[in-house]
């Protein structure tokens, strides 16, 4: 028998306003956003290399930050303390996030779709 996954409420503040949806536990935040209509950038394909998929976590627990994410975020000087890479966040809680960069706003292709 397959275990039933929990779902979490995600609230995303994006260029076209606020969007609320549910996503399954363990899902990458970047994919949950994209699959629910947010054209978030992810230029490196979800490998914690480029920081284009960054979000500001306004509420909720995005989980522990891993070393690859910590290392790339440390190279940037204009980020807040609650900035995370959505490609590295696996859903464990309800989240309220501000999407920082979107393809439609920047006029560029979003990038290769990250794997689940």
PDB file of N, CA and C in Angstrom:
ATOM      1  N   UNK A   1       0.843  -1.184   0.000  1.00  0.00           N
ATOM      2  CA  UNK A   1       0.000   0.000   0.000  1.00  0.00           C
ATOM      3  C   UNK A   1       0.884   1.242   0.000  1.00  0.00           C
ATOM      4  N   UNK A   2       0.606   2.150  -0.896  1.00  0.00           N
ATOM      5  CA  UNK A   2       1.391   3.374  -1.030  1.00  0.00           C
ATOM      6  C   UNK A   2       1.016   4.374   0.051  1.00  0.00           C
ATOM      7  N   UNK A   3       2.037   4.981   0.649  1.00  0.00           N
ATOM      8  CA  UNK A   3       1.801   5.980   1.694  1.00  0.00           C
ATOM      9  C   UNK A   3       1.192   7.240   1.084  1.00  0.00           C
ATOM     10  N   UNK A   4       0.283   7.842   1.814  1.00  0.00           N
ATOM     11  CA  UNK A   4      -0.336   9.082   1.369  1.00  0.00           C
ATOM     12  C   UNK A   4       0.561  10.246   1.782  1.00  0.00           C
ATOM     13  N   UNK A   5       0.923  11.074   0.799  1.00  0.00           N
ATOM     14  CA  UNK A   5       1.771  12.227   1.094  1.00  0.00           C
ATOM     15  C   UNK A   5       0.915  13.381   1.597  1.00  0.00           C
ATOM     16  N   UNK A   6       1.492  14.114   2.538  1.00  0.00           N
ATOM     17  CA  UNK A   6       0.841  15.320   3.016  1.00  0.00           C
ATOM     18  C   UNK A   6       0.923  16.391   1.942  1.00  0.00           C
ATOM     19  N   UNK A   7       0.019  17.335   2.009  1.00  0.00           N
ATOM     20  CA  UNK A   7       0.102  18.497   1.132  1.00  0.00           C
ATOM     21  C   UNK A   7       0.234  19.749   1.986  1.00  0.00           C
ATOM     22  N   UNK A   8       0.881  20.741   1.400  1.00  0.00           N
ATOM     23  CA  UNK A   8       1.102  22.002   2.097  1.00  0.00           C
ATOM     24  C   UNK A   8       0.557  23.146   1.267  1.00  0.00           C
ATOM     25  N   UNK A   9       0.126  24.192   1.966  1.00  0.00           N
ATOM     26  CA  UNK A   9      -0.378  25.402   1.320  1.00  0.00           C
ATOM     27  C   UNK A   9       0.808  26.300   0.991  1.00  0.00           C
ATOM     28  N   UNK A  10       0.921  26.660  -0.276  1.00  0.00           N
ATOM     29  CA  UNK A  10       1.977  27.549  -0.726  1.00  0.00           C
ATOM     30  C   UNK A  10       1.328  28.851  -1.186  1.00  0.00           C
ATOM     31  N   UNK A  11       1.798  29.960  -0.659  1.00  0.00           N
ATOM     32  CA  UNK A  11       1.359  31.283  -1.091  1.00  0.00           C
ATOM     33  C   UNK A  11       2.565  31.943  -1.744  1.00  0.00           C
ATOM     34  N   UNK A  12       2.416  32.300  -3.015  1.00  0.00           N
ATOM     35  CA  UNK A  12       3.512  32.906  -3.770  1.00  0.00           C
ATOM     36  C   UNK A  12       3.133  34.314  -4.189  1.00  0.00           C
ATOM     37  N   UNK A  13       3.964  35.257  -3.811  1.00  0.00           N
ATOM     38  CA  UNK A  13       3.813  36.644  -4.256  1.00  0.00           C
ATOM     39  C   UNK A  13       4.655  36.769  -5.518  1.00  0.00           C
ATOM     40  N   UNK A  14       3.993  37.033  -6.641  1.00  0.00           N
ATOM     41  CA  UNK A  14       4.688  37.088  -7.928  1.00  0.00           C
ATOM     42  C   UNK A  14       4.301  38.367  -8.659  1.00  0.00           C
ATOM     43  N   UNK A  15       4.855  38.554  -9.845  1.00  0.00           N
ATOM     44  CA  UNK A  15       4.635  39.783 -10.609  1.00  0.00           C
ATOM     45  C   UNK A  15       3.154  40.060 -10.874  1.00  0.00           C
ATOM     46  N   UNK A  16       2.362  39.018 -11.065  1.00  0.00           N
ATOM     47  CA  UNK A  16       0.940  39.196 -11.370  1.00  0.00           C
ATOM     48  C   UNK A  16       0.048  39.092 -10.133  1.00  0.00           C
ATOM     49  N   UNK A  17       0.651  39.166  -8.958  1.00  0.00           N
ATOM     50  CA  UNK A  17      -0.133  39.121  -7.737  1.00  0.00           C
ATOM     51  C   UNK A  17       0.121  37.873  -6.924  1.00  0.00           C
ATOM     52  N   UNK A  18      -0.758  37.630  -5.972  1.00  0.00           N
ATOM     53  CA  UNK A  18      -0.619  36.516  -5.047  1.00  0.00           C
ATOM     54  C   UNK A  18      -1.319  35.277  -5.606  1.00  0.00           C
ATOM     55  N   UNK A  19      -0.674  34.137  -5.444  1.00  0.00           N
ATOM     56  CA  UNK A  19      -1.212  32.859  -5.914  1.00  0.00           C
ATOM     57  C   UNK A  19      -1.136  31.874  -4.759  1.00  0.00           C
ATOM     58  N   UNK A  20      -2.215  31.152  -4.498  1.00  0.00           N
ATOM     59  CA  UNK A  20      -2.246  30.166  -3.421  1.00  0.00           C
ATOM     60  C   UNK A  20      -2.592  28.814  -4.029  1.00  0.00           C
ATOM     61  N   UNK A  21      -1.812  27.793  -3.654  1.00  0.00           N
ATOM     62  CA  UNK A  21      -2.046  26.444  -4.157  1.00  0.00           C
ATOM     63  C   UNK A  21      -1.522  25.433  -3.150  1.00  0.00           C
ATOM     64  N   UNK A  22      -1.812  24.161  -3.386  1.00  0.00           N
ATOM     65  CA  UNK A  22      -1.294  23.096  -2.536  1.00  0.00           C
ATOM     66  C   UNK A  22      -0.273  22.289  -3.308  1.00  0.00           C
ATOM     67  N   UNK A  23       0.718  21.766  -2.592  1.00  0.00           N
ATOM     68  CA  UNK A  23       1.753  20.938  -3.209  1.00  0.00           C
ATOM     69  C   UNK A  23       2.135  19.823  -2.243  1.00  0.00           C
ATOM     70  N   UNK A  24       2.582  18.703  -2.799  1.00  0.00           N
ATOM     71  CA  UNK A  24       2.909  17.533  -2.000  1.00  0.00           C
ATOM     72  C   UNK A  24       4.215  17.675  -1.228  1.00  0.00           C
ATOM     73  N   UNK A  25       4.228  17.054  -0.071  1.00  0.00           N
ATOM     74  CA  UNK A  25       5.420  16.980   0.758  1.00  0.00           C
ATOM     75  C   UNK A  25       6.587  16.397  -0.040  1.00  0.00           C
ATOM     76  N   UNK A  26       7.759  16.998   0.117  1.00  0.00           N
ATOM     77  CA  UNK A  26       8.958  16.504  -0.550  1.00  0.00           C
ATOM     78  C   UNK A  26       9.182  17.054  -1.942  1.00  0.00           C
ATOM     79  N   UNK A  27       8.187  17.734  -2.487  1.00  0.00           N
ATOM     80  CA  UNK A  27       8.294  18.303  -3.840  1.00  0.00           C
ATOM     81  C   UNK A  27       9.244  19.490  -3.824  1.00  0.00           C
ATOM     82  N   UNK A  28      10.013  19.646  -4.895  1.00  0.00           N
ATOM     83  CA  UNK A  28      10.857  20.838  -5.010  1.00  0.00           C
ATOM     84  C   UNK A  28       9.958  22.057  -5.157  1.00  0.00           C
ATOM     85  N   UNK A  29      10.248  23.099  -4.402  1.00  0.00           N
ATOM     86  CA  UNK A  29       9.447  24.317  -4.458  1.00  0.00           C
ATOM     87  C   UNK A  29       9.441  24.906  -5.860  1.00  0.00           C
ATOM     88  N   UNK A  30      10.574  24.918  -6.550  1.00  0.00           N
ATOM     89  CA  UNK A  30      10.641  25.489  -7.902  1.00  0.00           C
ATOM     90  C   UNK A  30       9.638  24.812  -8.840  1.00  0.00           C
ATOM     91  N   UNK A  31       9.487  23.482  -8.740  1.00  0.00           N
ATOM     92  CA  UNK A  31       8.552  22.767  -9.611  1.00  0.00           C
ATOM     93  C   UNK A  31       7.111  23.025  -9.201  1.00  0.00           C
ATOM     94  N   UNK A  32       6.863  23.110  -7.903  1.00  0.00           N
ATOM     95  CA  UNK A  32       5.509  23.422  -7.434  1.00  0.00           C
ATOM     96  C   UNK A  32       5.088  24.800  -7.932  1.00  0.00           C
ATOM     97  N   UNK A  33       5.993  25.765  -7.872  1.00  0.00           N
ATOM     98  CA  UNK A  33       5.693  27.107  -8.373  1.00  0.00           C
ATOM     99  C   UNK A  33       5.416  27.075  -9.868  1.00  0.00           C
ATOM    100  N   UNK A  34       6.326  26.483 -10.617  1.00  0.00           N
ATOM    101  CA  UNK A  34       6.183  26.455 -12.072  1.00  0.00           C
ATOM    102  C   UNK A  34       4.917  25.726 -12.509  1.00  0.00           C
ATOM    103  N   UNK A  35       4.634  24.604 -11.884  1.00  0.00           N
ATOM    104  CA  UNK A  35       3.453  23.819 -12.260  1.00  0.00           C
ATOM    105  C   UNK A  35       2.139  24.489 -11.869  1.00  0.00           C
ATOM    106  N   UNK A  36       2.226  25.550 -11.094  1.00  0.00           N
ATOM    107  CA  UNK A  36       1.027  26.296 -10.698  1.00  0.00           C
ATOM    108  C   UNK A  36       0.997  27.700 -11.279  1.00  0.00           C
ATOM    109  N   UNK A  37       1.718  27.888 -12.374  1.00  0.00           N
ATOM    110  CA  UNK A  37       1.591  29.117 -13.147  1.00  0.00           C
ATOM    111  C   UNK A  37       2.593  30.217 -12.877  1.00  0.00           C
ATOM    112  N   UNK A  38       3.579  29.989 -12.018  1.00  0.00           N
ATOM    113  CA  UNK A  38       4.604  31.003 -11.761  1.00  0.00           C
ATOM    114  C   UNK A  38       5.787  30.713 -12.684  1.00  0.00           C
ATOM    115  N   UNK A  39       6.125  31.649 -13.533  1.00  0.00           N
ATOM    116  CA  UNK A  39       7.214  31.446 -14.503  1.00  0.00           C
ATOM    117  C   UNK A  39       8.566  31.819 -13.882  1.00  0.00           C
ATOM    118  N   UNK A  40       8.908  31.120 -12.818  1.00  0.00           N
ATOM    119  CA  UNK A  40      10.147  31.378 -12.072  1.00  0.00           C
ATOM    120  C   UNK A  40      11.350  30.961 -12.908  1.00  0.00           C
ATOM    121  N   UNK A  41      12.402  31.746 -12.809  1.00  0.00           N
ATOM    122  CA  UNK A  41      13.639  31.394 -13.509  1.00  0.00           C
ATOM    123  C   UNK A  41      14.328  30.235 -12.796  1.00  0.00           C
ATOM    124  N   UNK A  42      15.012  29.407 -13.579  1.00  0.00           N
ATOM    125  CA  UNK A  42      15.825  28.310 -13.042  1.00  0.00           C
ATOM    126  C   UNK A  42      16.880  27.966 -14.098  1.00  0.00           C
ATOM    127  N   UNK A  43      17.762  28.924 -14.335  1.00  0.00           N
ATOM    128  CA  UNK A  43      18.709  28.868 -15.445  1.00  0.00           C
ATOM    129  C   UNK A  43      19.682  27.695 -15.385  1.00  0.00           C
ATOM    130  N   UNK A  44      20.035  27.194 -14.205  1.00  0.00           N
ATOM    131  CA  UNK A  44      20.998  26.089 -14.121  1.00  0.00           C
ATOM    132  C   UNK A  44      20.314  24.732 -14.039  1.00  0.00           C
ATOM    133  N   UNK A  45      18.995  24.707 -14.155  1.00  0.00           N
ATOM    134  CA  UNK A  45      18.282  23.434 -14.132  1.00  0.00           C
ATOM    135  C   UNK A  45      18.133  22.805 -12.762  1.00  0.00           C
ATOM    136  N   UNK A  46      18.222  23.614 -11.724  1.00  0.00           N
ATOM    137  CA  UNK A  46      17.981  23.108 -10.373  1.00  0.00           C
ATOM    138  C   UNK A  46      19.195  22.550  -9.668  1.00  0.00           C
ATOM    139  N   UNK A  47      20.379  23.017 -10.035  1.00  0.00           N
ATOM    140  CA  UNK A  47      21.616  22.464  -9.483  1.00  0.00           C
ATOM    141  C   UNK A  47      22.337  23.373  -8.494  1.00  0.00           C
ATOM    142  N   UNK A  48      21.672  24.377  -7.959  1.00  0.00           N
ATOM    143  CA  UNK A  48      22.251  25.304  -6.972  1.00  0.00           C
ATOM    144  C   UNK A  48      23.515  25.971  -7.496  1.00  0.00           C
ATOM    145  N   UNK A  49      23.484  26.407  -8.750  1.00  0.00           N
ATOM    146  CA  UNK A  49      24.660  27.031  -9.358  1.00  0.00           C
ATOM    147  C   UNK A  49      24.450  28.499  -9.727  1.00  0.00           C
ATOM    148  N   UNK A  50      23.190  28.921  -9.968  1.00  0.00           N
ATOM    149  CA  UNK A  50      23.006  30.246 -10.573  1.00  0.00           C
ATOM    150  C   UNK A  50      22.227  31.254  -9.718  1.00  0.00           C
ATOM    151  N   UNK A  51      21.451  30.853  -8.796  1.00  0.00           N
ATOM    152  CA  UNK A  51      20.609  31.670  -7.897  1.00  0.00           C
ATOM    153  C   UNK A  51      19.429  32.364  -8.567  1.00  0.00           C
ATOM    154  N   UNK A  52      19.109  32.046  -9.826  1.00  0.00           N
ATOM    155  CA  UNK A  52      17.978  32.724 -10.474  1.00  0.00           C
ATOM    156  C   UNK A  52      16.629  32.292  -9.915  1.00  0.00           C
ATOM    157  N   UNK A  53      16.558  31.161  -9.247  1.00  0.00           N
ATOM    158  CA  UNK A  53      15.284  30.677  -8.703  1.00  0.00           C
ATOM    159  C   UNK A  53      15.069  31.111  -7.261  1.00  0.00           C
ATOM    160  N   UNK A  54      15.811  32.098  -6.816  1.00  0.00           N
ATOM    161  CA  UNK A  54      15.723  32.480  -5.409  1.00  0.00           C
ATOM    162  C   UNK A  54      14.366  33.074  -5.055  1.00  0.00           C
ATOM    163  N   UNK A  55      13.989  32.815  -3.825  1.00  0.00           N
ATOM    164  CA  UNK A  55      12.760  33.349  -3.245  1.00  0.00           C
ATOM    165  C   UNK A  55      13.096  33.892  -1.866  1.00  0.00           C
ATOM    166  N   UNK A  56      12.273  34.794  -1.405  1.00  0.00           N
ATOM    167  CA  UNK A  56      12.371  35.278  -0.028  1.00  0.00           C
ATOM    168  C   UNK A  56      11.270  34.562   0.746  1.00  0.00           C
ATOM    169  N   UNK A  57      11.631  33.841   1.782  1.00  0.00           N
ATOM    170  CA  UNK A  57      10.657  33.109   2.590  1.00  0.00           C
ATOM    171  C   UNK A  57      10.049  34.084   3.587  1.00  0.00           C
ATOM    172  N   UNK A  58       8.769  34.383   3.403  1.00  0.00           N
ATOM    173  CA  UNK A  58       8.067  35.332   4.262  1.00  0.00           C
ATOM    174  C   UNK A  58       7.499  34.653   5.503  1.00  0.00           C
ATOM    175  N   UNK A  59       7.125  33.368   5.371  1.00  0.00           N
ATOM    176  CA  UNK A  59       6.593  32.598   6.501  1.00  0.00           C
ATOM    177  C   UNK A  59       6.728  31.122   6.189  1.00  0.00           C
ATOM    178  N   UNK A  60       6.855  30.328   7.239  1.00  0.00           N
ATOM    179  CA  UNK A  60       6.958  28.888   7.090  1.00  0.00           C
ATOM    180  C   UNK A  60       8.398  28.403   7.194  1.00  0.00           C
ATOM    181  N   UNK A  61       8.544  27.091   7.245  1.00  0.00           N
ATOM    182  CA  UNK A  61       9.846  26.450   7.400  1.00  0.00           C
ATOM    183  C   UNK A  61      10.284  25.836   6.070  1.00  0.00           C
ATOM    184  N   UNK A  62      11.322  26.409   5.433  1.00  0.00           N
ATOM    185  CA  UNK A  62      11.802  25.852   4.170  1.00  0.00           C
ATOM    186  C   UNK A  62      12.761  24.681   4.364  1.00  0.00           C
ATOM    187  N   UNK A  63      13.052  24.326   5.607  1.00  0.00           N
ATOM    188  CA  UNK A  63      13.957  23.218   5.883  1.00  0.00           C
ATOM    189  C   UNK A  63      15.403  23.662   5.984  1.00  0.00           C
ATOM    190  N   UNK A  64      16.248  22.693   6.247  1.00  0.00           N
ATOM    191  CA  UNK A  64      17.677  22.960   6.403  1.00  0.00           C
ATOM    192  C   UNK A  64      18.294  23.389   5.083  1.00  0.00           C
ATOM    193  N   UNK A  65      19.284  24.245   5.158  1.00  0.00           N
ATOM    194  CA  UNK A  65      20.006  24.681   3.975  1.00  0.00           C
ATOM    195  C   UNK A  65      21.228  23.777   3.802  1.00  0.00           C
ATOM    196  N   UNK A  66      21.406  23.249   2.604  1.00  0.00           N
ATOM    197  CA  UNK A  66      22.537  22.371   2.326  1.00  0.00           C
ATOM    198  C   UNK A  66      23.784  23.153   1.941  1.00  0.00           C
ATOM    199  N   UNK A  67      24.916  22.485   1.941  1.00  0.00           N
ATOM    200  CA  UNK A  67      26.183  23.145   1.659  1.00  0.00           C
ATOM    201  C   UNK A  67      26.252  23.754   0.256  1.00  0.00           C
ATOM    202  N   UNK A  68      25.797  23.062  -0.813  1.00  0.00           N
ATOM    203  CA  UNK A  68      25.856  23.695  -2.145  1.00  0.00           C
ATOM    204  C   UNK A  68      25.070  25.009  -2.203  1.00  0.00           C
ATOM    205  N   UNK A  69      23.888  25.030  -1.583  1.00  0.00           N
ATOM    206  CA  UNK A  69      23.074  26.251  -1.565  1.00  0.00           C
ATOM    207  C   UNK A  69      23.742  27.330  -0.718  1.00  0.00           C
ATOM    208  N   UNK A  70      24.239  26.967   0.439  1.00  0.00           N
ATOM    209  CA  UNK A  70      24.910  27.925   1.316  1.00  0.00           C
ATOM    210  C   UNK A  70      26.104  28.560   0.600  1.00  0.00           C
ATOM    211  N   UNK A  71      26.875  27.732  -0.117  1.00  0.00           N
ATOM    212  CA  UNK A  71      28.074  28.215  -0.807  1.00  0.00           C
ATOM    213  C   UNK A  71      27.736  29.222  -1.906  1.00  0.00           C
ATOM    214  N   UNK A  72      26.730  28.942  -2.728  1.00  0.00           N
ATOM    215  CA  UNK A  72      26.399  29.861  -3.824  1.00  0.00           C
ATOM    216  C   UNK A  72      25.746  31.132  -3.285  1.00  0.00           C
ATOM    217  N   UNK A  73      24.911  31.028  -2.269  1.00  0.00           N
ATOM    218  CA  UNK A  73      24.291  32.225  -1.696  1.00  0.00           C
ATOM    219  C   UNK A  73      25.338  33.128  -1.045  1.00  0.00           C
ATOM    220  N   UNK A  74      26.405  32.554  -0.531  1.00  0.00           N
ATOM    221  CA  UNK A  74      27.468  33.336   0.103  1.00  0.00           C
ATOM    222  C   UNK A  74      28.217  34.208  -0.898  1.00  0.00           C
ATOM    223  N   UNK A  75      28.083  33.916  -2.185  1.00  0.00           N
ATOM    224  CA  UNK A  75      28.764  34.720  -3.214  1.00  0.00           C
ATOM    225  C   UNK A  75      27.980  35.968  -3.574  1.00  0.00           C
ATOM    226  N   UNK A  76      26.765  36.106  -3.080  1.00  0.00           N
ATOM    227  CA  UNK A  76      25.903  37.248  -3.386  1.00  0.00           C
ATOM    228  C   UNK A  76      25.848  38.196  -2.192  1.00  0.00           C
ATOM    229  N   UNK A  77      25.846  39.487  -2.473  1.00  0.00           N
ATOM    230  CA  UNK A  77      25.830  40.467  -1.381  1.00  0.00           C
ATOM    231  C   UNK A  77      24.472  41.141  -1.195  1.00  0.00           C
ATOM    232  N   UNK A  78      23.545  40.936  -2.126  1.00  0.00           N
ATOM    233  CA  UNK A  78      22.275  41.661  -2.088  1.00  0.00           C
ATOM    234  C   UNK A  78      21.100  40.795  -1.628  1.00  0.00           C
ATOM    235  N   UNK A  79      21.368  39.746  -0.860  1.00  0.00           N
ATOM    236  CA  UNK A  79      20.318  38.818  -0.458  1.00  0.00           C
ATOM    237  C   UNK A  79      19.955  38.980   1.007  1.00  0.00           C
ATOM    238  N   UNK A  80      18.679  38.766   1.318  1.00  0.00           N
ATOM    239  CA  UNK A  80      18.222  38.808   2.698  1.00  0.00           C
ATOM    240  C   UNK A  80      18.533  37.506   3.414  1.00  0.00           C
ATOM    241  N   UNK A  81      18.387  37.514   4.723  1.00  0.00           N
ATOM    242  CA  UNK A  81      18.707  36.323   5.516  1.00  0.00           C
ATOM    243  C   UNK A  81      17.705  35.194   5.316  1.00  0.00           C
ATOM    244  N   UNK A  82      16.539  35.487   4.775  1.00  0.00           N
ATOM    245  CA  UNK A  82      15.523  34.452   4.515  1.00  0.00           C
ATOM    246  C   UNK A  82      15.461  34.090   3.024  1.00  0.00           C
ATOM    247  N   UNK A  83      16.509  34.442   2.270  1.00  0.00           N
ATOM    248  CA  UNK A  83      16.565  34.091   0.857  1.00  0.00           C
ATOM    249  C   UNK A  83      16.973  32.637   0.720  1.00  0.00           C
ATOM    250  N   UNK A  84      16.235  31.923  -0.114  1.00  0.00           N
ATOM    251  CA  UNK A  84      16.540  30.517  -0.395  1.00  0.00           C
ATOM    252  C   UNK A  84      16.448  30.269  -1.894  1.00  0.00           C
ATOM    253  N   UNK A  85      17.097  29.204  -2.347  1.00  0.00           N
ATOM    254  CA  UNK A  85      16.967  28.756  -3.728  1.00  0.00           C
ATOM    255  C   UNK A  85      15.793  27.792  -3.781  1.00  0.00           C
ATOM    256  N   UNK A  86      14.792  28.111  -4.581  1.00  0.00           N
ATOM    257  CA  UNK A  86      13.592  27.273  -4.616  1.00  0.00           C
ATOM    258  C   UNK A  86      13.879  25.890  -5.170  1.00  0.00           C
ATOM    259  N   UNK A  87      14.967  25.742  -5.931  1.00  0.00           N
ATOM    260  CA  UNK A  87      15.326  24.418  -6.452  1.00  0.00           C
ATOM    261  C   UNK A  87      15.886  23.510  -5.368  1.00  0.00           C
ATOM    262  N   UNK A  88      16.289  24.072  -4.244  1.00  0.00           N
ATOM    263  CA  UNK A  88      16.872  23.287  -3.161  1.00  0.00           C
ATOM    264  C   UNK A  88      15.906  23.069  -1.998  1.00  0.00           C
ATOM    265  N   UNK A  89      14.752  23.722  -2.039  1.00  0.00           N
ATOM    266  CA  UNK A  89      13.758  23.580  -0.973  1.00  0.00           C
ATOM    267  C   UNK A  89      12.828  22.421  -1.306  1.00  0.00           C
ATOM    268  N   UNK A  90      12.800  21.438  -0.413  1.00  0.00           N
ATOM    269  CA  UNK A  90      11.846  20.329  -0.497  1.00  0.00           C
ATOM    270  C   UNK A  90      10.750  20.617   0.528  1.00  0.00           C
ATOM    271  N   UNK A  91       9.508  20.604   0.093  1.00  0.00           N
ATOM    272  CA  UNK A  91       8.402  21.050   0.940  1.00  0.00           C
ATOM    273  C   UNK A  91       8.204  20.173   2.177  1.00  0.00           C
ATOM    274  N   UNK A  92       8.240  20.843   3.337  1.00  0.00           N
ATOM    275  CA  UNK A  92       7.989  20.184   4.619  1.00  0.00           C
ATOM    276  C   UNK A  92       6.998  20.970   5.472  1.00  0.00           C
ATOM    277  N   UNK A  93       6.516  22.102   4.928  1.00  0.00           N
ATOM    278  CA  UNK A  93       5.666  22.999   5.720  1.00  0.00           C
ATOM    279  C   UNK A  93       4.904  23.916   4.758  1.00  0.00           C
ATOM    280  N   UNK A  94       3.857  24.556   5.262  1.00  0.00           N
ATOM    281  CA  UNK A  94       3.215  25.622   4.505  1.00  0.00           C
ATOM    282  C   UNK A  94       4.250  26.728   4.332  1.00  0.00           C
ATOM    283  N   UNK A  95       4.250  27.360   3.160  1.00  0.00           N
ATOM    284  CA  UNK A  95       5.205  28.436   2.901  1.00  0.00           C
ATOM    285  C   UNK A  95       4.512  29.638   2.280  1.00  0.00           C
ATOM    286  N   UNK A  96       5.011  30.799   2.612  1.00  0.00           N
ATOM    287  CA  UNK A  96       4.621  32.055   1.967  1.00  0.00           C
ATOM    288  C   UNK A  96       5.922  32.637   1.445  1.00  0.00           C
ATOM    289  N   UNK A  97       6.026  32.789   0.121  1.00  0.00           N
ATOM    290  CA  UNK A  97       7.277  33.238  -0.479  1.00  0.00           C
ATOM    291  C   UNK A  97       7.052  34.399  -1.434  1.00  0.00           C
ATOM    292  N   UNK A  98       8.093  35.203  -1.566  1.00  0.00           N
ATOM    293  CA  UNK A  98       8.147  36.255  -2.579  1.00  0.00           C
ATOM    294  C   UNK A  98       9.050  35.730  -3.684  1.00  0.00           C
ATOM    295  N   UNK A  99       8.507  35.587  -4.897  1.00  0.00           N
ATOM    296  CA  UNK A  99       9.308  35.141  -6.037  1.00  0.00           C
ATOM    297  C   UNK A  99      10.106  36.346  -6.529  1.00  0.00           C
ATOM    298  N   UNK A 100      11.415  36.206  -6.581  1.00  0.00           N
ATOM    299  CA  UNK A 100      12.267  37.352  -6.885  1.00  0.00           C
ATOM    300  C   UNK A 100      12.483  37.557  -8.378  1.00  0.00           C
ATOM    301  N   UNK A 101      12.653  36.466  -9.140  1.00  0.00           N
ATOM    302  CA  UNK A 101      12.932  36.625 -10.577  1.00  0.00           C
ATOM    303  C   UNK A 101      12.006  35.742 -11.396  1.00  0.00           C
ATOM    304  N   UNK A 102      11.388  36.347 -12.422  1.00  0.00           N
ATOM    305  CA  UNK A 102      10.468  35.639 -13.302  1.00  0.00           C
ATOM    306  C   UNK A 102      10.834  35.876 -14.758  1.00  0.00           C
ATOM    307  N   UNK A 103      10.630  34.849 -15.571  1.00  0.00           N
ATOM    308  CA  UNK A 103      10.950  34.924 -16.998  1.00  0.00           C
ATOM    309  C   UNK A 103      10.175  36.044 -17.685  1.00  0.00           C
ATOM    310  N   UNK A 104       8.895  36.191 -17.367  1.00  0.00           N
ATOM    311  CA  UNK A 104       8.070  37.202 -18.028  1.00  0.00           C
ATOM    312  C   UNK A 104       8.514  38.623 -17.704  1.00  0.00           C
ATOM    313  N   UNK A 105       9.047  38.831 -16.522  1.00  0.00           N
ATOM    314  CA  UNK A 105       9.506  40.148 -16.107  1.00  0.00           C
ATOM    315  C   UNK A 105      10.858  40.465 -16.740  1.00  0.00           C
ATOM    316  N   UNK A 106      11.732  39.471 -16.787  1.00  0.00           N
ATOM    317  CA  UNK A 106      13.096  39.687 -17.276  1.00  0.00           C
ATOM    318  C   UNK A 106      13.247  39.480 -18.772  1.00  0.00           C
ATOM    319  N   UNK A 107      12.209  38.924 -19.419  1.00  0.00           N
ATOM    320  CA  UNK A 107      12.241  38.751 -20.864  1.00  0.00           C
ATOM    321  C   UNK A 107      13.227  37.715 -21.355  1.00  0.00           C
ATOM    322  N   UNK A 108      13.486  36.710 -20.517  1.00  0.00           N
ATOM    323  CA  UNK A 108      14.393  35.636 -20.930  1.00  0.00           C
ATOM    324  C   UNK A 108      13.731  34.285 -20.667  1.00  0.00           C
ATOM    325  N   UNK A 109      14.270  33.252 -21.294  1.00  0.00           N
ATOM    326  CA  UNK A 109      13.772  31.895 -21.113  1.00  0.00           C
ATOM    327  C   UNK A 109      14.025  31.469 -19.671  1.00  0.00           C
ATOM    328  N   UNK A 110      13.096  30.703 -19.107  1.00  0.00           N
ATOM    329  CA  UNK A 110      13.218  30.278 -17.714  1.00  0.00           C
ATOM    330  C   UNK A 110      14.426  29.389 -17.464  1.00  0.00           C
ATOM    331  N   UNK A 111      14.825  28.600 -18.454  1.00  0.00           N
ATOM    332  CA  UNK A 111      15.941  27.657 -18.286  1.00  0.00           C
ATOM    333  C   UNK A 111      15.430  26.244 -18.287  1.00  0.00           C
ATOM    334  N   UNK A 112      16.349  25.291 -18.270  1.00  0.00           N
ATOM    335  CA  UNK A 112      15.978  23.875 -18.284  1.00  0.00           C
ATOM    336  C   UNK A 112      15.207  23.493 -17.036  1.00  0.00           C
ATOM    337  N   UNK A 113      14.160  22.695 -17.230  1.00  0.00           N
ATOM    338  CA  UNK A 113      13.321  22.294 -16.094  1.00  0.00           C
ATOM    339  C   UNK A 113      14.100  21.391 -15.149  1.00  0.00           C
ATOM    340  N   UNK A 114      14.109  21.752 -13.863  1.00  0.00           N
ATOM    341  CA  UNK A 114      14.783  20.882 -12.884  1.00  0.00           C
ATOM    342  C   UNK A 114      14.094  19.526 -12.785  1.00  0.00           C
ATOM    343  N   UNK A 115      14.834  18.513 -12.389  1.00  0.00           N
ATOM    344  CA  UNK A 115      14.238  17.196 -12.179  1.00  0.00           C
ATOM    345  C   UNK A 115      13.536  17.184 -10.827  1.00  0.00           C
ATOM    346  N   UNK A 116      12.646  16.240 -10.657  1.00  0.00           N
ATOM    347  CA  UNK A 116      11.947  16.101  -9.396  1.00  0.00           C
ATOM    348  C   UNK A 116      12.937  15.590  -8.380  1.00  0.00           C
TER     349      UNK A 116
END
